[in-house]
C-alpha atoms as a PDB file:
ATOM      1  CA  MET A   1      -0.142   0.001  -0.070  1.00  0.00           C
ATOM      2  CA  THR A   2       2.914   2.328   0.635  1.00  0.00           C
ATOM      3  CA  VAL A   3       5.356   1.238  -1.763  1.00  0.00           C
ATOM      4  CA  SER A   4       2.957   0.911  -5.039  1.00  0.00           C
ATOM      5  CA  PRO A   5       2.435   4.633  -5.595  1.00  0.00           C
ATOM      6  CA  GLY A   6       5.914   5.540  -4.528  1.00  0.00           C
ATOM      7  CA  PRO A   7       7.467   5.667  -8.086  1.00  0.00           C
ATOM      8  CA  GLU A   8       4.601   7.543  -9.538  1.00  0.00           C
ATOM      9  CA  LEU A   9       4.696  10.141  -6.772  1.00  0.00           C
ATOM     10  CA  ALA A  10       8.400  10.338  -7.124  1.00  0.00           C
ATOM     11  CA  LEU A  11       7.584  11.824 -10.679  1.00  0.00           C
ATOM     12  CA  THR A  12       6.574  14.940  -8.893  1.00  0.00           C
ATOM     13  CA  CYS A  13      10.164  15.370  -7.780  1.00  0.00           C
ATOM     14  CA  THR A  14      11.639  14.508 -11.349  1.00  0.00           C
ATOM     15  CA  ASN A  15       9.433  17.061 -12.966  1.00  0.00           C
ATOM     16  CA  THR A  16      10.743  19.837 -10.910  1.00  0.00           C
ATOM     17  CA  GLN A  17      14.377  18.999 -11.445  1.00  0.00           C
ATOM     18  CA  THR A  18      14.365  18.281 -15.120  1.00  0.00           C
ATOM     19  CA  PRO A  19      13.957  20.843 -17.897  1.00  0.00           C
ATOM     20  CA  THR A  20      10.129  21.294 -19.025  1.00  0.00           C
ATOM     21  CA  VAL A  21      11.041  20.377 -22.732  1.00  0.00           C
ATOM     22  CA  SER A  22      12.245  16.821 -21.357  1.00  0.00           C
ATOM     23  CA  HIS A  23       9.574  15.916 -18.898  1.00  0.00           C
ATOM     24  CA  SER A  24       7.926  13.303 -21.013  1.00  0.00           C
ATOM     25  CA  THR A  25      11.237  11.834 -22.067  1.00  0.00           C
ATOM     26  CA  VAL A  26      12.676  11.592 -18.606  1.00  0.00           C
ATOM     27  CA  ILE A  27       9.574  10.168 -17.049  1.00  0.00           C
ATOM     28  CA  LYS A  28       9.416   7.193 -19.165  1.00  0.00           C
ATOM     29  CA  PRO A  29      12.648   5.004 -18.345  1.00  0.00           C
ATOM     30  CA  ARG A  30      10.905   4.189 -15.133  1.00  0.00           C
ATOM     31  CA  ASP A  31       8.873   1.564 -16.951  1.00  0.00           C
ATOM     32  CA  ARG A  32      12.167  -0.588 -17.418  1.00  0.00           C
ATOM     33  CA  ARG A  33      11.812  -2.003 -13.875  1.00  0.00           C
ATOM     34  CA  PHE A  34       8.963  -4.300 -15.370  1.00  0.00           C
ATOM     35  CA  ALA A  35      11.112  -5.474 -18.064  1.00  0.00           C
ATOM     36  CA  VAL A  36      13.970  -5.957 -15.409  1.00  0.00           C
ATOM     37  CA  ALA A  37      11.879  -7.868 -13.097  1.00  0.00           C
ATOM     38  CA  ALA A  38      10.311 -10.185 -15.549  1.00  0.00           C
ATOM     39  CA  GLY A  39      13.824 -11.056 -16.755  1.00  0.00           C
ATOM     40  CA  LEU A  40      15.100 -11.682 -13.167  1.00  0.00           C
ATOM     41  CA  ALA A  41      11.809 -13.977 -12.461  1.00  0.00           C
ATOM     42  CA  THR A  42      12.435 -15.886 -15.749  1.00  0.00           C
ATOM     43  CA  LEU A  43      16.158 -16.540 -14.347  1.00  0.00           C
ATOM     44  CA  ILE A  44      15.574 -17.171 -10.737  1.00  0.00           C
ATOM     45  CA  VAL A  45      12.033 -18.462  -9.895  1.00  0.00           C
ATOM     46  CA  PRO A  46      12.183 -21.927 -11.967  1.00  0.00           C
ATOM     47  CA  ASP A  47      15.041 -23.262 -10.079  1.00  0.00           C
ATOM     48  CA  HIS A  48      14.841 -21.169  -6.951  1.00  0.00           C
ATOM     49  CA  GLY A  49      11.184 -20.284  -6.399  1.00  0.00           C
ATOM     50  CA  SER A  50       9.664 -16.901  -5.622  1.00  0.00           C
ATOM     51  CA  GLN A  51      11.117 -16.164  -2.233  1.00  0.00           C
ATOM     52  CA  PRO A  52      14.455 -14.925  -3.645  1.00  0.00           C
ATOM     53  CA  MET A  53      12.557 -12.114  -5.389  1.00  0.00           C
ATOM     54  CA  PHE A  54      11.483 -10.818  -2.273  1.00  0.00           C
ATOM     55  CA  HIS A  55      14.836 -10.685  -0.864  1.00  0.00           C
ATOM     56  CA  ILE A  56      16.191  -8.951  -3.922  1.00  0.00           C
ATOM     57  CA  SER A  57      13.354  -6.529  -3.455  1.00  0.00           C
ATOM     58  CA  TYR A  58      14.769  -5.314  -0.085  1.00  0.00           C
ATOM     59  CA  LEU A  59      17.671  -3.520  -2.337  1.00  0.00           C
ATOM     60  CA  ALA A  60      14.898  -0.934  -2.940  1.00  0.00           C
ATOM     61  CA  LEU A  61      15.181   0.161   0.814  1.00  0.00           C
ATOM     62  CA  ALA A  62      18.976   0.995   0.271  1.00  0.00           C
ATOM     63  CA  VAL A  63      18.111   2.803  -2.798  1.00  0.00           C
ATOM     64  CA  ALA A  64      15.555   4.801  -1.161  1.00  0.00           C
ATOM     65  CA  LEU A  65      18.047   5.643   1.651  1.00  0.00           C
ATOM     66  CA  LEU A  66      20.800   6.784  -0.869  1.00  0.00           C
ATOM     67  CA  ILE A  67      17.926   8.761  -2.585  1.00  0.00           C
ATOM     68  CA  ALA A  68      16.939  10.587   0.737  1.00  0.00           C
ATOM     69  CA  VAL A  69      20.649  11.522   1.389  1.00  0.00           C
ATOM     70  CA  LEU A  70      21.991  12.429  -2.211  1.00  0.00           C
ATOM     71  CA  VAL A  71      19.030  14.009  -4.023  1.00  0.00           C
ATOM     72  CA  PRO A  72      18.133  17.493  -2.907  1.00  0.00           C
ATOM     73  CA  GLU A  73      14.708  18.796  -1.969  1.00  0.00           C
ATOM     74  CA  THR A  74      13.011  20.605  -4.768  1.00  0.00           C
ATOM     75  CA  PRO A  75      13.514  24.488  -4.850  1.00  0.00           C
ATOM     76  CA  GLN A  76       9.518  24.764  -5.160  1.00  0.00           C
ATOM     77  CA  TYR A  77       9.091  23.084  -1.845  1.00  0.00           C
ATOM     78  CA  LEU A  78      11.842  24.946  -0.141  1.00  0.00           C
ATOM     79  CA  ALA A  79      10.484  28.137  -1.633  1.00  0.00           C
ATOM     80  CA  SER A  80       6.937  27.171  -0.281  1.00  0.00           C
ATOM     81  CA  LYS A  81       8.449  26.976   3.099  1.00  0.00           C
ATOM     82  CA  GLY A  82      10.103  30.529   2.942  1.00  0.00           C
ATOM     83  CA  ARG A  83      13.497  28.860   2.568  1.00  0.00           C
ATOM     84  CA  TYR A  84      14.498  30.956  -0.201  1.00  0.00           C
ATOM     85  CA  GLU A  85      18.210  31.049  -0.049  1.00  0.00           C
ATOM     86  CA  GLU A  86      18.153  27.215   0.090  1.00  0.00           C
ATOM     87  CA  ALA A  87      15.783  27.066  -3.010  1.00  0.00           C
ATOM     88  CA  PHE A  88      18.122  29.181  -5.106  1.00  0.00           C
ATOM     89  CA  GLU A  89      21.151  27.242  -4.126  1.00  0.00           C
ATOM     90  CA  THR A  90      19.530  23.896  -5.025  1.00  0.00           C
ATOM     91  CA  ALA A  91      18.196  25.592  -8.188  1.00  0.00           C
ATOM     92  CA  ARG A  92      21.579  26.613  -9.256  1.00  0.00           C
ATOM     93  CA  LYS A  93      23.070  23.289  -8.470  1.00  0.00           C
ATOM     94  CA  VAL A  94      20.596  21.702 -10.932  1.00  0.00           C
ATOM     95  CA  PHE A  95      20.045  24.616 -13.577  1.00  0.00           C
ATOM     96  CA  PRO A  96      23.352  26.476 -13.426  1.00  0.00           C
ATOM     97  CA  ALA A  97      21.864  29.298 -15.535  1.00  0.00           C
ATOM     98  CA  VAL A  98      19.910  30.388 -12.634  1.00  0.00           C
ATOM     99  CA  ALA A  99      23.240  31.571 -10.939  1.00  0.00           C
ATOM    100  CA  ALA A 100      22.716  34.895 -13.226  1.00  0.00           C
ATOM    101  CA  THR A 101      19.378  35.420 -11.527  1.00  0.00           C
ATOM    102  CA  THR A 102      20.094  35.278  -7.790  1.00  0.00           C
ATOM    103  CA  ASP A 103      18.644  38.883  -7.020  1.00  0.00           C
ATOM    104  CA  VAL A 104      15.030  38.305  -7.318  1.00  0.00           C
ATOM    105  CA  THR A 105      12.610  41.009  -5.805  1.00  0.00           C
ATOM    106  CA  TYR A 106       9.792  38.403  -5.587  1.00  0.00           C
ATOM    107  CA  PRO A 107      11.032  34.938  -4.863  1.00  0.00           C
ATOM    108  CA  ALA A 108       7.530  33.630  -4.379  1.00  0.00           C
ATOM    109  CA  ALA A 109       6.524  34.490  -7.667  1.00  0.00           C
ATOM    110  CA  TYR A 110       9.636  33.412  -9.230  1.00  0.00           C
ATOM    111  CA  PHE A 111       9.365  29.840  -7.951  1.00  0.00           C
ATOM    112  CA  ALA A 112       5.392  30.051  -8.703  1.00  0.00           C
ATOM    113  CA  ILE A 113       4.291  29.335  -5.144  1.00  0.00           C
ATOM    114  CA  GLY A 114       0.564  29.860  -5.168  1.00  0.00           C
ATOM    115  CA  GLY A 115       0.030  29.602  -1.509  1.00  0.00           C
ATOM    116  CA  THR A 116      -2.733  27.395  -0.963  1.00  0.00           C
ATOM    117  CA  GLY A 117      -2.167  27.220   2.695  1.00  0.00           C
ATOM    118  CA  ARG A 118      -1.724  24.416   5.151  1.00  0.00           C
ATOM    119  CA  GLY A 119      -3.985  21.501   4.387  1.00  0.00           C
ATOM    120  CA  GLY A 120      -5.556  23.245   1.371  1.00  0.00           C
ATOM    121  CA  GLN A 121      -3.924  21.365  -1.541  1.00  0.00           C
ATOM    122  CA  PHE A 122      -6.920  18.775  -1.738  1.00  0.00           C
ATOM    123  CA  ARG A 123      -9.299  21.636  -1.332  1.00  0.00           C
ATOM    124  CA  ALA A 124      -7.624  23.252  -4.403  1.00  0.00           C
ATOM    125  CA  LEU A 125      -8.137  20.395  -6.488  1.00  0.00           C
ATOM    126  CA  TRP A 126     -11.801  21.096  -6.449  1.00  0.00           C
ATOM    127  CA  SER A 127     -11.532  24.982  -6.724  1.00  0.00           C
ATOM    128  CA  ALA A 128     -13.096  26.785  -9.600  1.00  0.00           C
ATOM    129  CA  ARG A 129      -9.596  26.579 -11.306  1.00  0.00           C
ATOM    130  CA  TYR A 130      -9.214  23.069 -11.220  1.00  0.00           C
ATOM    131  CA  ARG A 131     -12.415  21.340 -10.585  1.00  0.00           C
ATOM    132  CA  GLN A 132     -13.139  20.248 -14.305  1.00  0.00           C
ATOM    133  CA  ALA A 133      -9.615  19.296 -14.917  1.00  0.00           C
ATOM    134  CA  THR A 134      -9.897  17.050 -11.697  1.00  0.00           C
ATOM    135  CA  VAL A 135     -13.027  15.319 -12.700  1.00  0.00           C
ATOM    136  CA  LEU A 136     -11.696  14.618 -16.098  1.00  0.00           C
ATOM    137  CA  ILE A 137      -8.229  13.292 -15.008  1.00  0.00           C
ATOM    138  CA  SER A 138      -9.940  11.170 -12.406  1.00  0.00           C
ATOM    139  CA  LEU A 139     -11.905   9.617 -15.216  1.00  0.00           C
ATOM    140  CA  LEU A 140      -8.936   9.201 -17.551  1.00  0.00           C
ATOM    141  CA  TYR A 141      -7.156   7.303 -14.862  1.00  0.00           C
ATOM    142  CA  LEU A 142     -10.217   5.130 -13.949  1.00  0.00           C
ATOM    143  CA  VAL A 143     -10.712   3.818 -17.416  1.00  0.00           C
ATOM    144  CA  LEU A 144      -7.057   3.782 -18.199  1.00  0.00           C
ATOM    145  CA  GLN A 145      -6.182   1.516 -15.443  1.00  0.00           C
ATOM    146  CA  PHE A 146      -9.493  -0.441 -15.955  1.00  0.00           C
ATOM    147  CA  VAL A 147      -7.951  -1.506 -19.457  1.00  0.00           C
ATOM    148  CA  VAL A 148      -4.487  -2.065 -18.354  1.00  0.00           C
ATOM    149  CA  TYR A 149      -5.191  -4.275 -15.609  1.00  0.00           C
ATOM    150  CA  ALA A 150      -8.025  -6.091 -17.426  1.00  0.00           C
ATOM    151  CA  LEU A 151      -5.293  -7.028 -20.240  1.00  0.00           C
ATOM    152  CA  ASP A 152      -2.558  -7.715 -17.746  1.00  0.00           C
ATOM    153  CA  PHE A 153      -4.861 -10.040 -15.753  1.00  0.00           C
ATOM    154  CA  TRP A 154      -6.803 -11.867 -18.447  1.00  0.00           C
ATOM    155  CA  MET A 155      -4.750 -11.789 -21.721  1.00  0.00           C
ATOM    156  CA  VAL A 156      -2.983 -15.169 -21.081  1.00  0.00           C
ATOM    157  CA  THR A 157      -6.185 -16.801 -20.241  1.00  0.00           C
ATOM    158  CA  LEU A 158      -8.056 -15.701 -23.246  1.00  0.00           C
ATOM    159  CA  LEU A 159      -5.301 -16.749 -25.426  1.00  0.00           C
ATOM    160  CA  VAL A 160      -5.243 -20.167 -23.861  1.00  0.00           C
ATOM    161  CA  GLY A 161      -8.828 -20.431 -24.367  1.00  0.00           C
ATOM    162  CA  HIS A 162      -8.506 -19.393 -28.073  1.00  0.00           C
ATOM    163  CA  GLY A 163      -6.197 -22.534 -28.716  1.00  0.00           C
ATOM    164  CA  LEU A 164      -2.760 -21.180 -27.916  1.00  0.00           C
ATOM    165  CA  SER A 165      -0.397 -23.087 -25.743  1.00  0.00           C
ATOM    166  CA  LEU A 166       0.396 -21.630 -22.345  1.00  0.00           C
ATOM    167  CA  THR A 167       3.984 -20.944 -23.431  1.00  0.00           C
ATOM    168  CA  HIS A 168       2.909 -19.172 -26.681  1.00  0.00           C
ATOM    169  CA  SER A 169       0.393 -17.324 -24.532  1.00  0.00           C
ATOM    170  CA  TYR A 170       2.944 -15.991 -21.982  1.00  0.00           C
ATOM    171  CA  SER A 171       5.088 -14.887 -24.938  1.00  0.00           C
ATOM    172  CA  TYR A 172       2.356 -12.596 -25.921  1.00  0.00           C
ATOM    173  CA  ALA A 173       2.429 -10.944 -22.479  1.00  0.00           C
ATOM    174  CA  ILE A 174       6.204 -10.630 -22.448  1.00  0.00           C
ATOM    175  CA  GLU A 175       6.056  -9.102 -25.892  1.00  0.00           C
ATOM    176  CA  GLN A 176       3.419  -6.554 -24.798  1.00  0.00           C
ATOM    177  CA  ALA A 177       5.609  -5.589 -21.693  1.00  0.00           C
ATOM    178  CA  LEU A 178       8.640  -4.879 -24.002  1.00  0.00           C
ATOM    179  CA  ALA A 179       6.460  -3.021 -26.534  1.00  0.00           C
ATOM    180  CA  ALA A 180       5.084  -0.978 -23.730  1.00  0.00           C
ATOM    181  CA  THR A 181       8.708   0.122 -22.686  1.00  0.00           C
ATOM    182  CA  ALA A 182       9.978   0.901 -26.180  1.00  0.00           C
ATOM    183  CA  GLY A 183       6.514   2.767 -27.291  1.00  0.00           C
ATOM    184  CA  GLY A 184       6.830   4.882 -24.007  1.00  0.00           C
ATOM    185  CA  PHE A 185      10.102   5.990 -24.858  1.00  0.00           C
ATOM    186  CA  VAL A 186       8.738   7.027 -28.330  1.00  0.00           C
ATOM    187  CA  LEU A 187       5.696   8.698 -27.114  1.00  0.00           C
ATOM    188  CA  GLY A 188       7.687  10.569 -24.487  1.00  0.00           C
ATOM    189  CA  TRP A 189      10.075  11.951 -27.154  1.00  0.00           C
ATOM    190  CA  ILE A 190       6.727  12.889 -29.033  1.00  0.00           C
ATOM    191  CA  LEU A 191       5.155  14.538 -26.146  1.00  0.00           C
ATOM    192  CA  ASP A 192       8.157  16.613 -25.477  1.00  0.00           C
ATOM    193  CA  ARG A 193       7.752  17.989 -29.018  1.00  0.00           C
ATOM    194  CA  MET A 194       4.349  18.116 -30.035  1.00  0.00           C
ATOM    195  CA  ASP A 195       0.887  18.863 -28.318  1.00  0.00           C
ATOM    196  CA  LYS A 196       0.568  16.226 -25.426  1.00  0.00           C
ATOM    197  CA  ARG A 197      -2.921  15.959 -25.235  1.00  0.00           C
ATOM    198  CA  ILE A 198      -3.403  15.360 -29.157  1.00  0.00           C
ATOM    199  CA  THR A 199      -0.587  12.766 -29.131  1.00  0.00           C
ATOM    200  CA  LEU A 200      -1.966  11.004 -26.255  1.00  0.00           C
ATOM    201  CA  ALA A 201      -5.505  10.846 -27.593  1.00  0.00           C
ATOM    202  CA  VAL A 202      -4.328   9.630 -31.077  1.00  0.00           C
ATOM    203  CA  ALA A 203      -2.240   6.809 -29.283  1.00  0.00           C
ATOM    204  CA  PHE A 204      -5.191   5.574 -27.034  1.00  0.00           C
ATOM    205  CA  ALA A 205      -7.587   5.711 -30.005  1.00  0.00           C
ATOM    206  CA  ALA A 206      -5.196   3.848 -32.195  1.00  0.00           C
ATOM    207  CA  GLY A 207      -4.550   1.496 -29.293  1.00  0.00           C
ATOM    208  CA  GLY A 208      -8.353   0.721 -29.133  1.00  0.00           C
ATOM    209  CA  LEU A 209      -8.569   0.051 -32.739  1.00  0.00           C
ATOM    210  CA  CYS A 210      -5.683  -2.277 -32.457  1.00  0.00           C
ATOM    211  CA  LEU A 211      -7.372  -4.173 -29.647  1.00  0.00           C
ATOM    212  CA  VAL A 212     -10.331  -4.640 -31.902  1.00  0.00           C
ATOM    213  CA  CYS A 213      -8.455  -5.836 -34.952  1.00  0.00           C
ATOM    214  CA  PHE A 214      -6.386  -8.067 -32.636  1.00  0.00           C
ATOM    215  CA  GLY A 215      -9.713  -9.870 -31.718  1.00  0.00           C
ATOM    216  CA  LEU A 216     -11.129 -10.044 -34.909  1.00  0.00           C
ATOM    217  CA  THR A 217      -7.895 -11.514 -36.748  1.00  0.00           C
ATOM    218  CA  SER A 218      -5.540 -14.413 -35.505  1.00  0.00           C
ATOM    219  CA  ALA A 219      -3.927 -12.592 -32.735  1.00  0.00           C
ATOM    220  CA  PRO A 220      -1.144 -11.240 -34.779  1.00  0.00           C
ATOM    221  CA  VAL A 221       2.300 -10.587 -32.674  1.00  0.00           C
ATOM    222  CA  ALA A 222       2.434  -6.724 -34.454  1.00  0.00           C
ATOM    223  CA  LEU A 223      -0.980  -5.768 -33.201  1.00  0.00           C
ATOM    224  CA  ASN A 224       0.022  -7.135 -29.814  1.00  0.00           C
ATOM    225  CA  ALA A 225       2.907  -4.997 -29.828  1.00  0.00           C
ATOM    226  CA  LEU A 226       1.214  -1.947 -30.746  1.00  0.00           C
ATOM    227  CA  VAL A 227      -1.584  -2.432 -28.083  1.00  0.00           C
ATOM    228  CA  GLY A 228       1.447  -2.538 -25.411  1.00  0.00           C
ATOM    229  CA  ALA A 229       3.153   0.417 -26.983  1.00  0.00           C
ATOM    230  CA  LEU A 230      -0.008   2.658 -27.356  1.00  0.00           C
ATOM    231  CA  ILE A 231      -2.061   1.810 -24.184  1.00  0.00           C
ATOM    232  CA  ILE A 232       0.270   0.438 -21.776  1.00  0.00           C
ATOM    233  CA  GLY A 233       3.148   2.615 -22.756  1.00  0.00           C
ATOM    234  CA  GLY A 234       0.869   5.710 -22.730  1.00  0.00           C
ATOM    235  CA  GLN A 235      -0.343   5.115 -19.342  1.00  0.00           C
ATOM    236  CA  ASN A 236       2.948   6.506 -17.577  1.00  0.00           C
ATOM    237  CA  VAL A 237       3.603   9.502 -20.086  1.00  0.00           C
ATOM    238  CA  ALA A 238      -0.019  10.463 -19.252  1.00  0.00           C
ATOM    239  CA  HIS A 239       1.479  11.722 -15.738  1.00  0.00           C
ATOM    240  CA  THR A 240       2.822  14.512 -17.610  1.00  0.00           C
ATOM    241  CA  LEU A 241      -0.940  15.728 -18.028  1.00  0.00           C
ATOM    242  CA  VAL A 242      -1.303  15.815 -14.190  1.00  0.00           C
ATOM    243  CA  MET A 243       2.090  17.876 -13.970  1.00  0.00           C
ATOM    244  CA  GLY A 244       1.042  20.400 -16.681  1.00  0.00           C
ATOM    245  CA  THR A 245      -2.381  20.799 -15.191  1.00  0.00           C
ATOM    246  CA  TYR A 246      -1.800  21.496 -11.641  1.00  0.00           C
ATOM    247  CA  GLY A 247       0.498  24.355  -9.859  1.00  0.00           C
ATOM    248  CA  VAL A 248       3.601  23.048  -7.981  1.00  0.00           C
ATOM    249  CA  ASP A 249       1.903  23.487  -4.703  1.00  0.00           C
ATOM    250  CA  THR A 250      -1.044  20.971  -5.548  1.00  0.00           C
ATOM    251  CA  ARG A 251       0.722  18.650  -8.117  1.00  0.00           C
ATOM    252  CA  ALA A 252       1.646  15.934  -5.758  1.00  0.00           C
ATOM    253  CA  THR A 253      -1.782  15.992  -4.324  1.00  0.00           C
ATOM    254  CA  GLY A 254      -3.178  15.752  -7.862  1.00  0.00           C
ATOM    255  CA  LEU A 255      -1.368  12.957  -8.865  1.00  0.00           C
ATOM    256  CA  GLY A 256      -1.681  11.040  -5.618  1.00  0.00           C
ATOM    257  CA  TRP A 257      -5.559  11.589  -6.190  1.00  0.00           C
ATOM    258  CA  ALA A 258      -5.290  10.596  -9.858  1.00  0.00           C
ATOM    259  CA  LEU A 259      -3.348   7.436  -8.746  1.00  0.00           C
ATOM    260  CA  GLY A 260      -6.003   6.548  -6.104  1.00  0.00           C
ATOM    261  CA  ILE A 261      -8.951   6.706  -8.486  1.00  0.00           C
ATOM    262  CA  GLY A 262      -6.531   4.690 -10.842  1.00  0.00           C
ATOM    263  CA  ARG A 263      -6.314   1.919  -8.400  1.00  0.00           C
ATOM    264  CA  LEU A 264     -10.202   1.565  -8.326  1.00  0.00           C
ATOM    265  CA  GLY A 265     -10.131   1.010 -12.059  1.00  0.00           C
ATOM    266  CA  GLY A 266      -7.196  -1.314 -11.758  1.00  0.00           C
ATOM    267  CA  LEU A 267      -9.454  -3.391  -9.256  1.00  0.00           C
ATOM    268  CA  LEU A 268     -12.443  -3.175 -11.581  1.00  0.00           C
ATOM    269  CA  GLY A 269     -10.633  -4.309 -14.701  1.00  0.00           C
ATOM    270  CA  PRO A 270      -9.829  -7.882 -13.272  1.00  0.00           C
ATOM    271  CA  LEU A 271     -13.122  -8.265 -11.648  1.00  0.00           C
ATOM    272  CA  ILE A 272     -15.429  -7.423 -14.518  1.00  0.00           C
ATOM    273  CA  GLY A 273     -13.024  -9.161 -16.921  1.00  0.00           C
ATOM    274  CA  GLY A 274     -13.505 -12.307 -14.984  1.00  0.00           C
ATOM    275  CA  TYR A 275     -17.353 -11.795 -14.937  1.00  0.00           C
ATOM    276  CA  LEU A 276     -17.271 -11.715 -18.622  1.00  0.00           C
ATOM    277  CA  LEU A 277     -14.877 -14.853 -19.077  1.00  0.00           C
ATOM    278  CA  ALA A 278     -17.428 -16.732 -17.086  1.00  0.00           C
ATOM    279  CA  LEU A 279     -19.862 -15.984 -19.854  1.00  0.00           C
ATOM    280  CA  HIS A 280     -17.933 -17.657 -22.518  1.00  0.00           C
ATOM    281  CA  LEU A 281     -18.392 -14.935 -24.969  1.00  0.00           C
ATOM    282  CA  PRO A 282     -16.736 -15.103 -28.661  1.00  0.00           C
ATOM    283  CA  PHE A 283     -12.962 -14.297 -28.711  1.00  0.00           C
ATOM    284  CA  PRO A 284     -13.348 -10.887 -30.614  1.00  0.00           C
ATOM    285  CA  VAL A 285     -16.023  -9.699 -28.135  1.00  0.00           C
ATOM    286  CA  TYR A 286     -13.620  -9.409 -25.391  1.00  0.00           C
ATOM    287  CA  PHE A 287     -11.265  -7.215 -27.167  1.00  0.00           C
ATOM    288  CA  ILE A 288     -14.193  -4.880 -28.437  1.00  0.00           C
ATOM    289  CA  ILE A 289     -15.154  -4.635 -24.825  1.00  0.00           C
ATOM    290  CA  PHE A 290     -11.575  -3.654 -23.641  1.00  0.00           C
ATOM    291  CA  ALA A 291     -11.158  -1.143 -26.409  1.00  0.00           C
ATOM    292  CA  VAL A 292     -14.242   0.860 -25.358  1.00  0.00           C
ATOM    293  CA  PRO A 293     -12.186   2.162 -22.165  1.00  0.00           C
ATOM    294  CA  ALA A 294      -9.251   2.861 -24.377  1.00  0.00           C
ATOM    295  CA  VAL A 295     -11.406   5.212 -26.682  1.00  0.00           C
ATOM    296  CA  LEU A 296     -12.927   6.737 -23.651  1.00  0.00           C
ATOM    297  CA  CYS A 297      -9.189   7.565 -22.842  1.00  0.00           C
ATOM    298  CA  SER A 298      -8.831   9.197 -25.959  1.00  0.00           C
ATOM    299  CA  LEU A 299     -12.075  11.316 -25.623  1.00  0.00           C
ATOM    300  CA  THR A 300     -11.316  12.370 -21.987  1.00  0.00           C
ATOM    301  CA  VAL A 301      -7.737  13.547 -23.044  1.00  0.00           C
ATOM    302  CA  LEU A 302      -9.361  15.749 -25.704  1.00  0.00           C
ATOM    303  CA  ALA A 303     -11.848  17.177 -23.264  1.00  0.00           C
ATOM    304  CA  LEU A 304      -9.094  17.940 -20.807  1.00  0.00           C
ATOM    305  CA  ARG A 305      -7.306  19.792 -23.641  1.00  0.00           C
ATOM    306  CA  ALA A 306     -10.540  21.795 -24.306  1.00  0.00           C
ATOM    307  CA  SER A 307     -10.743  22.389 -20.807  1.00  0.00           C
ATOM    308  CA  ARG A 308      -7.254  23.845 -20.416  1.00  0.00           C
ATOM    309  CA  SER A 309      -7.690  26.113 -23.702  1.00  0.00           C
ATOM    310  CA  ARG A 310     -10.930  27.613 -21.834  1.00  0.00           C
ATOM    311  CA  GLN A 311      -8.758  28.076 -18.646  1.00  0.00           C
ATOM    312  CA  ASP A 312      -6.171  29.748 -20.448  1.00  0.00           C
ATOM    313  CA  ARG A 313      -8.072  31.989 -22.620  1.00  0.00           C
ATOM    314  CA  PRO A 314      -9.124  34.688 -19.973  1.00  0.00           C
ATOM    315  CA  HIS A 315      -5.404  35.162 -19.108  1.00  0.00           C
ATOM    316  CA  GLN A 316      -4.359  35.384 -22.826  1.00  0.00           C
ATOM    317  CA  THR A 317      -7.249  37.965 -23.150  1.00  0.00           C
ATOM    318  CA  LEU A 318      -5.902  39.818 -20.221  1.00  0.00           C
ATOM    319  CA  GLN A 319      -2.374  40.006 -21.797  1.00  0.00           C
ATOM    320  CA  LEU A 320      -3.740  41.487 -24.898  1.00  0.00           C
ATOM    321  CA  GLU A 321      -5.832  44.060 -23.275  1.00  0.00           C
ATOM    322  CA  HIS A 322      -2.588  45.194 -21.304  1.00  0.00           C
END
């Protein structure tokens, strides 16, 4: 419960200590942990059982301690606590160009500190400024985690029921995970150079189409890889939407809320998938059903883009008047 959201929430630190133009690309390498874990499990579990995997996981505690000691606190957090000298010192270490801007009259404005107040971050998510975006982001994470976990839990079972061997079916799951890592890198690179919301909307819609085609054809390897790259690979770069929606003082709270709602989708996906399997539906129907939330992800991202445009319009109008 405490470990699961840790890597995602750590993204808020990564986000504030990397250049804006590289946020999506930098975030994506975290997904390699799944490929590494799968590789270790393949090498260790058949001969030694699963217990050694738990012992290996203890290394994460040592890494966490090193991070706590070596990685500096984010400048925005330090500034929010009024520790401006430390904030500028940290900023100069991470971004050397800041050395030329030491003398700032309004440091709070420089670090974009909004001042939500103690305990006000969660309330800020539902303020007039963020309310619509919070609803849309919640829906996005709900349906996105639904389809990701439904595929993760039931893909092998569906393929075995379709006539593939267990070994062959697992090869599809491994291919999907590897494609998700590669696809995430590509999507992250594109997101840093194009409109993030349009790119993700196209990726999720295309992933849903690939799911439908996967079910209607003889489960081709290429379509399976595209599903992994576009849907599963897109789920983590989707975190950049949260980073770009909320201010620094509410960013971690916003991501934590989205991840919590996403866990609900992660529970519903396998549960509803299990009920569907009990109905013994035709093979293509399962993937058509799983494609629906992928398309909903696309529509939600587009709605989030429209919401952001309306939010920015008054500020643009004000600038033009001045």
